[in-house]
Amino acid sequence: MTETSQARAAQPEYTDSQKEELVTKILDLQEALMATLQRVESTRNDHSRLTAENQMLLQYVNNLMSTTGPPVPQRK
């Protein structure tokens, strides 16, 4: 027996309904994976956007602090 025929002999035989069920499961898993990848990409984009917004706000606050000077304590 050749290696190829031995490998085929070692593979289990599936019925048509089992094959169909496996294909359906594979397609469902692929769809779930695609949805997860889309969520990851969306989250990355949100993270980048929020990071840029935070940097802009930090610069704005720092500019305000530098132009107004230190806070003056209030008297009671």
N, C-alpha and C. Protein backbone atom coordinates (compact mmCIF):
# COMPACT_ATOMS: atom_id res chain seq x y z
N MET A 1 0.84 -1.19 0.00
CA MET A 1 0.00 0.00 0.00
C MET A 1 0.88 1.25 0.00
N THR A 2 0.51 2.22 -0.79
CA THR A 2 1.27 3.46 -0.82
C THR A 2 0.83 4.35 0.32
N GLU A 3 1.61 5.41 0.57
CA GLU A 3 1.27 6.33 1.66
C GLU A 3 -0.08 6.99 1.42
N THR A 4 -0.39 7.32 0.18
CA THR A 4 -1.66 7.98 -0.14
C THR A 4 -2.83 7.05 0.14
N SER A 5 -2.70 5.82 -0.27
CA SER A 5 -3.80 4.89 -0.03
C SER A 5 -3.93 4.56 1.44
N GLN A 6 -2.82 4.55 2.18
CA GLN A 6 -2.89 4.34 3.62
C GLN A 6 -3.58 5.51 4.30
N ALA A 7 -3.29 6.71 3.86
CA ALA A 7 -3.91 7.91 4.44
C ALA A 7 -5.41 7.89 4.17
N ARG A 8 -5.80 7.49 2.98
CA ARG A 8 -7.23 7.42 2.67
C ARG A 8 -7.92 6.34 3.49
N ALA A 9 -7.24 5.24 3.69
CA ALA A 9 -7.82 4.15 4.47
C ALA A 9 -8.00 4.56 5.93
N ALA A 10 -7.11 5.45 6.43
CA ALA A 10 -7.18 5.88 7.82
C ALA A 10 -8.26 6.94 8.03
N GLN A 11 -8.71 7.61 6.97
CA GLN A 11 -9.73 8.64 7.10
C GLN A 11 -11.09 7.99 7.30
N PRO A 12 -11.87 8.54 8.23
CA PRO A 12 -13.20 7.97 8.44
C PRO A 12 -14.11 8.28 7.26
N GLU A 13 -15.04 7.39 7.03
CA GLU A 13 -16.03 7.60 5.97
C GLU A 13 -17.23 8.33 6.57
N TYR A 14 -17.66 9.39 5.88
CA TYR A 14 -18.80 10.18 6.35
C TYR A 14 -19.97 9.99 5.40
N THR A 15 -21.15 9.98 5.97
CA THR A 15 -22.35 9.92 5.14
C THR A 15 -22.60 11.30 4.55
N ASP A 16 -23.47 11.36 3.58
CA ASP A 16 -23.79 12.65 2.96
C ASP A 16 -24.37 13.62 3.98
N SER A 17 -25.20 13.13 4.88
CA SER A 17 -25.80 14.03 5.88
C SER A 17 -24.74 14.52 6.87
N GLN A 18 -23.77 13.69 7.20
CA GLN A 18 -22.68 14.11 8.08
C GLN A 18 -21.80 15.15 7.38
N LYS A 19 -21.55 14.93 6.10
CA LYS A 19 -20.76 15.90 5.34
C LYS A 19 -21.49 17.24 5.27
N GLU A 20 -22.78 17.17 5.03
CA GLU A 20 -23.57 18.40 4.94
C GLU A 20 -23.57 19.14 6.28
N GLU A 21 -23.68 18.39 7.37
CA GLU A 21 -23.66 18.99 8.70
C GLU A 21 -22.30 19.64 8.99
N LEU A 22 -21.22 18.97 8.60
CA LEU A 22 -19.88 19.53 8.79
C LEU A 22 -19.69 20.81 7.97
N VAL A 23 -20.16 20.80 6.73
CA VAL A 23 -20.05 21.99 5.89
C VAL A 23 -20.85 23.14 6.50
N THR A 24 -22.04 22.85 7.01
CA THR A 24 -22.86 23.88 7.64
C THR A 24 -22.16 24.45 8.86
N LYS A 25 -21.56 23.59 9.68
CA LYS A 25 -20.83 24.06 10.86
C LYS A 25 -19.64 24.92 10.46
N ILE A 26 -18.93 24.50 9.43
CA ILE A 26 -17.78 25.27 8.96
C ILE A 26 -18.22 26.65 8.49
N LEU A 27 -19.30 26.71 7.72
CA LEU A 27 -19.80 28.00 7.22
C LEU A 27 -20.26 28.89 8.37
N ASP A 28 -20.92 28.30 9.36
CA ASP A 28 -21.35 29.08 10.53
C ASP A 28 -20.14 29.64 11.28
N LEU A 29 -19.11 28.81 11.44
CA LEU A 29 -17.90 29.26 12.13
C LEU A 29 -17.18 30.36 11.34
N GLN A 30 -17.18 30.23 10.02
CA GLN A 30 -16.57 31.26 9.19
C GLN A 30 -17.31 32.59 9.33
N GLU A 31 -18.64 32.53 9.35
CA GLU A 31 -19.44 33.74 9.53
C GLU A 31 -19.17 34.38 10.90
N ALA A 32 -19.08 33.54 11.93
CA ALA A 32 -18.80 34.05 13.27
C ALA A 32 -17.42 34.68 13.31
N LEU A 33 -16.45 34.07 12.65
CA LEU A 33 -15.10 34.61 12.61
C LEU A 33 -15.08 35.95 11.88
N MET A 34 -15.78 36.05 10.77
CA MET A 34 -15.84 37.32 10.03
C MET A 34 -16.48 38.41 10.88
N ALA A 35 -17.54 38.08 11.61
CA ALA A 35 -18.19 39.07 12.48
C ALA A 35 -17.23 39.52 13.57
N THR A 36 -16.49 38.59 14.13
CA THR A 36 -15.53 38.93 15.18
C THR A 36 -14.42 39.82 14.62
N LEU A 37 -13.92 39.50 13.44
CA LEU A 37 -12.89 40.31 12.82
C LEU A 37 -13.39 41.73 12.52
N GLN A 38 -14.64 41.84 12.11
CA GLN A 38 -15.22 43.16 11.86
C GLN A 38 -15.32 43.96 13.16
N ARG A 39 -15.71 43.29 14.25
CA ARG A 39 -15.78 43.97 15.55
C ARG A 39 -14.40 44.42 16.00
N VAL A 40 -13.39 43.59 15.77
CA VAL A 40 -12.02 43.95 16.15
C VAL A 40 -11.58 45.18 15.36
N GLU A 41 -11.83 45.18 14.06
CA GLU A 41 -11.44 46.32 13.22
C GLU A 41 -12.18 47.58 13.64
N SER A 42 -13.46 47.45 13.95
CA SER A 42 -14.24 48.60 14.40
C SER A 42 -13.70 49.13 15.73
N THR A 43 -13.34 48.24 16.62
CA THR A 43 -12.80 48.64 17.92
C THR A 43 -11.45 49.33 17.74
N ARG A 44 -10.62 48.82 16.84
CA ARG A 44 -9.34 49.47 16.56
C ARG A 44 -9.55 50.89 16.05
N ASN A 45 -10.50 51.05 15.14
CA ASN A 45 -10.78 52.38 14.60
C ASN A 45 -11.28 53.31 15.70
N ASP A 46 -12.17 52.81 16.56
CA ASP A 46 -12.66 53.62 17.67
C ASP A 46 -11.52 54.01 18.61
N HIS A 47 -10.64 53.08 18.88
CA HIS A 47 -9.49 53.34 19.76
C HIS A 47 -8.61 54.44 19.17
N SER A 48 -8.32 54.34 17.89
CA SER A 48 -7.48 55.35 17.23
C SER A 48 -8.15 56.72 17.28
N ARG A 49 -9.45 56.75 17.02
CA ARG A 49 -10.19 58.02 17.05
C ARG A 49 -10.18 58.62 18.44
N LEU A 50 -10.44 57.79 19.45
CA LEU A 50 -10.47 58.28 20.83
C LEU A 50 -9.10 58.72 21.31
N THR A 51 -8.07 58.03 20.88
CA THR A 51 -6.70 58.43 21.24
C THR A 51 -6.40 59.81 20.66
N ALA A 52 -6.77 60.04 19.42
CA ALA A 52 -6.54 61.34 18.80
C ALA A 52 -7.34 62.43 19.52
N GLU A 53 -8.59 62.13 19.86
CA GLU A 53 -9.41 63.09 20.59
C GLU A 53 -8.81 63.41 21.96
N ASN A 54 -8.33 62.40 22.65
CA ASN A 54 -7.71 62.62 23.96
C ASN A 54 -6.46 63.47 23.85
N GLN A 55 -5.67 63.24 22.83
CA GLN A 55 -4.46 64.05 22.64
C GLN A 55 -4.83 65.51 22.38
N MET A 56 -5.88 65.73 21.56
CA MET A 56 -6.32 67.09 21.29
C MET A 56 -6.83 67.76 22.57
N LEU A 57 -7.62 67.04 23.36
CA LEU A 57 -8.13 67.60 24.61
C LEU A 57 -7.01 67.89 25.60
N LEU A 58 -6.04 67.02 25.66
CA LEU A 58 -4.90 67.25 26.55
C LEU A 58 -4.14 68.51 26.14
N GLN A 59 -3.93 68.67 24.85
CA GLN A 59 -3.25 69.87 24.36
C GLN A 59 -4.09 71.11 24.67
N TYR A 60 -5.41 71.03 24.50
CA TYR A 60 -6.30 72.15 24.79
C TYR A 60 -6.22 72.54 26.27
N VAL A 61 -6.29 71.55 27.14
CA VAL A 61 -6.22 71.81 28.58
C VAL A 61 -4.86 72.40 28.94
N ASN A 62 -3.80 71.85 28.40
CA ASN A 62 -2.46 72.38 28.67
C ASN A 62 -2.32 73.82 28.19
N ASN A 63 -2.89 74.12 27.04
CA ASN A 63 -2.86 75.50 26.53
C ASN A 63 -3.65 76.43 27.45
N LEU A 64 -4.79 75.98 27.92
CA LEU A 64 -5.58 76.80 28.85
C LEU A 64 -4.82 77.04 30.14
N MET A 65 -4.20 76.00 30.65
CA MET A 65 -3.44 76.12 31.90
C MET A 65 -2.26 77.07 31.74
N SER A 66 -1.62 77.04 30.60
CA SER A 66 -0.44 77.90 30.40
C SER A 66 -0.86 79.36 30.20
N THR A 67 -2.03 79.60 29.64
CA THR A 67 -2.45 80.99 29.42
C THR A 67 -3.10 81.61 30.66
N THR A 68 -3.71 80.81 31.50
CA THR A 68 -4.39 81.35 32.68
C THR A 68 -3.49 81.40 33.90
N GLY A 69 -2.44 80.67 33.91
CA GLY A 69 -1.55 80.65 35.06
C GLY A 69 -2.09 79.72 36.14
N PRO A 70 -1.38 79.67 37.25
CA PRO A 70 -1.81 78.76 38.31
C PRO A 70 -3.09 79.29 38.97
N PRO A 71 -3.90 78.41 39.53
CA PRO A 71 -5.14 78.86 40.18
C PRO A 71 -4.84 79.65 41.43
N VAL A 72 -5.65 80.67 41.65
CA VAL A 72 -5.49 81.51 42.85
C VAL A 72 -6.40 80.94 43.92
N PRO A 73 -5.87 80.69 45.14
CA PRO A 73 -6.73 80.14 46.20
C PRO A 73 -7.79 81.16 46.59
N GLN A 74 -8.98 80.66 46.87
CA GLN A 74 -10.08 81.54 47.26
C GLN A 74 -10.07 81.74 48.77
N ARG A 75 -10.40 82.95 49.20
CA ARG A 75 -10.49 83.25 50.63
C ARG A 75 -11.89 83.00 51.12
N LYS A 76 -11.99 82.55 52.33
CA LYS A 76 -13.31 82.31 52.92
C LYS A 76 -13.72 83.43 53.80
